[in-house]
Amino acid sequence: MTNTPEKQKPLVLVVDDYQDAREMYAEYLEFSGFRVAEAKNGQEALDKAFELVPDVILMDLSLPVMDGWEATRRLKGDVRTKAIPVVALTGHALKGHTDDANEAGCDAYVTKPCLPDALVDQVKKMIARREAASAR
């Protein structure tokens, strides 16, 4: 038997090469009412995004195999995933990095370490913005 309410929860793809960070974000997001999928590098992020089509992607920018910058550019360049909001997660708080993240296609920017509540608030904002855009 399928659990219909579970299907209706928004899906967040958490992309971070640091397992402890992925697990912490995933646990807090699940506790806050989201479904969560995880990826540990940019290539895995692309594969999971194309397969699962999440509602929001939390993307660390410093990743092995393919970095978050390139993964975001590819997601935004593909018709299947271009509408998915991408929130950049990075330890770099410099203004230049914010501009670079925006140019790569990131919809928002969160500096790590961040409080879990702030991350959940950003995810909720991205989902609300996406729903408002699709209602137009």
Protein backbone atom coordinates (compact mmCIF):
# COMPACT_ATOMS: atom_id res chain seq x y z
CA MET A 1 0.00 0.00 0.00
CA THR A 2 1.38 3.41 -0.95
CA ASN A 3 1.59 6.13 1.62
CA THR A 4 -0.08 9.03 -0.22
CA PRO A 5 0.75 11.79 2.30
CA GLU A 6 4.46 10.89 1.96
CA LYS A 7 4.20 11.44 -1.80
CA GLN A 8 2.85 14.94 -1.24
CA LYS A 9 5.78 16.09 0.89
CA PRO A 10 8.27 18.19 -1.10
CA LEU A 11 11.47 16.39 -2.08
CA VAL A 12 14.82 18.05 -1.33
CA LEU A 13 18.04 16.79 -2.91
CA VAL A 14 20.96 17.45 -0.53
CA VAL A 15 24.33 17.50 -2.32
CA ASP A 16 27.43 17.58 -0.11
CA ASP A 17 30.61 15.50 -0.16
CA TYR A 18 30.84 15.63 3.64
CA GLN A 19 28.68 12.78 4.94
CA ASP A 20 28.09 14.33 8.39
CA ALA A 21 26.74 17.52 6.79
CA ARG A 22 24.46 15.55 4.43
CA GLU A 23 23.10 13.50 7.30
CA MET A 24 22.54 16.53 9.53
CA TYR A 25 20.70 18.47 6.79
CA ALA A 26 18.71 15.37 5.80
CA GLU A 27 17.61 14.60 9.36
CA TYR A 28 16.53 18.17 10.03
CA LEU A 29 14.69 18.47 6.72
CA GLU A 30 12.89 15.17 7.33
CA PHE A 31 11.99 16.34 10.84
CA SER A 32 10.62 19.52 9.24
CA GLY A 33 8.31 17.59 6.91
CA PHE A 34 10.36 17.08 3.73
CA ARG A 35 11.38 13.97 1.84
CA VAL A 36 15.14 13.89 1.26
CA ALA A 37 17.48 12.34 -1.29
CA GLU A 38 21.26 12.65 -1.02
CA ALA A 39 24.20 12.94 -3.43
CA LYS A 40 27.91 13.14 -2.62
CA ASN A 41 29.26 14.78 -5.79
CA GLY A 42 28.14 16.83 -8.76
CA GLN A 43 27.72 13.91 -11.16
CA GLU A 44 25.60 12.01 -8.65
CA ALA A 45 23.57 15.19 -8.15
CA LEU A 46 22.81 15.34 -11.88
CA ASP A 47 21.87 11.66 -12.02
CA LYS A 48 19.53 11.93 -9.03
CA ALA A 49 18.02 15.24 -10.18
CA PHE A 50 17.17 13.77 -13.62
CA GLU A 51 15.77 10.60 -12.01
CA LEU A 52 13.84 12.11 -9.08
CA VAL A 53 13.09 15.71 -10.21
CA PRO A 54 13.22 17.16 -6.68
CA ASP A 55 11.39 20.31 -5.60
CA VAL A 56 14.61 21.99 -4.36
CA ILE A 57 18.31 21.17 -4.57
CA LEU A 58 20.76 22.16 -1.81
CA MET A 59 24.10 22.22 -3.64
CA ASP A 60 27.51 22.39 -1.99
CA LEU A 61 29.76 24.17 -4.47
CA SER A 62 33.07 22.48 -3.57
CA LEU A 63 32.50 18.88 -4.67
CA PRO A 64 34.61 16.05 -6.09
CA VAL A 65 34.09 14.48 -9.56
CA MET A 66 32.09 17.51 -10.79
CA ASP A 67 31.87 20.67 -8.69
CA GLY A 68 28.61 22.31 -7.70
CA TRP A 69 29.15 25.21 -10.09
CA GLU A 70 29.24 22.93 -13.13
CA ALA A 71 26.46 20.69 -11.85
CA THR A 72 24.23 23.75 -11.36
CA ARG A 73 25.03 25.07 -14.86
CA ARG A 74 24.09 21.69 -16.35
CA LEU A 75 20.88 21.45 -14.30
CA LYS A 76 19.83 24.95 -15.39
CA GLY A 77 20.72 24.14 -18.99
CA ASP A 78 18.49 21.07 -19.15
CA VAL A 79 14.77 21.36 -19.85
CA ARG A 80 14.01 18.57 -17.33
CA THR A 81 15.61 20.39 -14.39
CA LYS A 82 15.94 24.10 -15.24
CA ALA A 83 12.91 25.08 -13.14
CA ILE A 84 14.19 23.36 -9.98
CA PRO A 85 15.46 25.97 -7.48
CA VAL A 86 19.10 25.45 -6.51
CA VAL A 87 20.34 26.79 -3.17
CA ALA A 88 24.13 27.07 -3.07
CA LEU A 89 25.75 25.84 0.15
CA THR A 90 29.28 27.05 0.66
CA GLY A 91 31.83 28.02 3.25
CA HIS A 92 32.81 31.06 1.15
CA ALA A 93 30.96 34.18 2.27
CA LEU A 94 32.69 36.58 -0.15
CA LYS A 95 30.53 38.76 -2.39
CA GLY A 96 32.29 37.47 -5.50
CA HIS A 97 31.20 33.95 -4.67
CA THR A 98 27.56 35.08 -4.37
CA ASP A 99 27.79 36.67 -7.82
CA ASP A 100 29.45 33.55 -9.25
CA ALA A 101 26.75 31.34 -7.72
CA ASN A 102 24.05 33.52 -9.28
CA GLU A 103 25.78 33.39 -12.66
CA ALA A 104 25.98 29.58 -12.43
CA GLY A 105 22.21 29.58 -11.97
CA CYS A 106 21.80 29.29 -8.21
CA ASP A 107 18.52 30.77 -6.99
CA ALA A 108 19.71 31.43 -3.43
CA TYR A 109 22.86 31.25 -1.35
CA VAL A 110 23.48 29.93 2.18
CA THR A 111 26.85 30.20 3.93
CA LYS A 112 27.99 27.16 5.89
CA PRO A 113 27.90 26.50 8.70
CA CYS A 114 24.27 27.56 8.90
CA LEU A 115 21.57 27.00 11.45
CA PRO A 116 19.18 24.23 10.41
CA ASP A 117 16.20 26.60 10.84
CA ALA A 118 17.74 29.06 8.38
CA LEU A 119 18.24 26.27 5.84
CA VAL A 120 14.65 25.04 6.22
CA ASP A 121 13.38 28.63 5.86
CA GLN A 122 15.34 29.00 2.61
CA VAL A 123 13.95 25.70 1.28
CA LYS A 124 10.39 26.83 2.13
CA LYS A 125 10.99 30.17 0.35
CA MET A 126 12.23 28.38 -2.77
CA ILE A 127 9.22 26.05 -2.82
CA ALA A 128 6.81 28.97 -2.34
CA ARG A 129 8.55 30.92 -5.14
CA ARG A 130 8.39 27.90 -7.47
CA GLU A 131 4.69 27.34 -6.71
CA ALA A 132 3.93 31.02 -7.31
CA ALA A 133 5.80 30.93 -10.65
CA SER A 134 3.98 27.80 -11.83
CA ALA A 135 0.61 29.33 -10.85
CA ARG A 136 1.16 32.20 -13.30
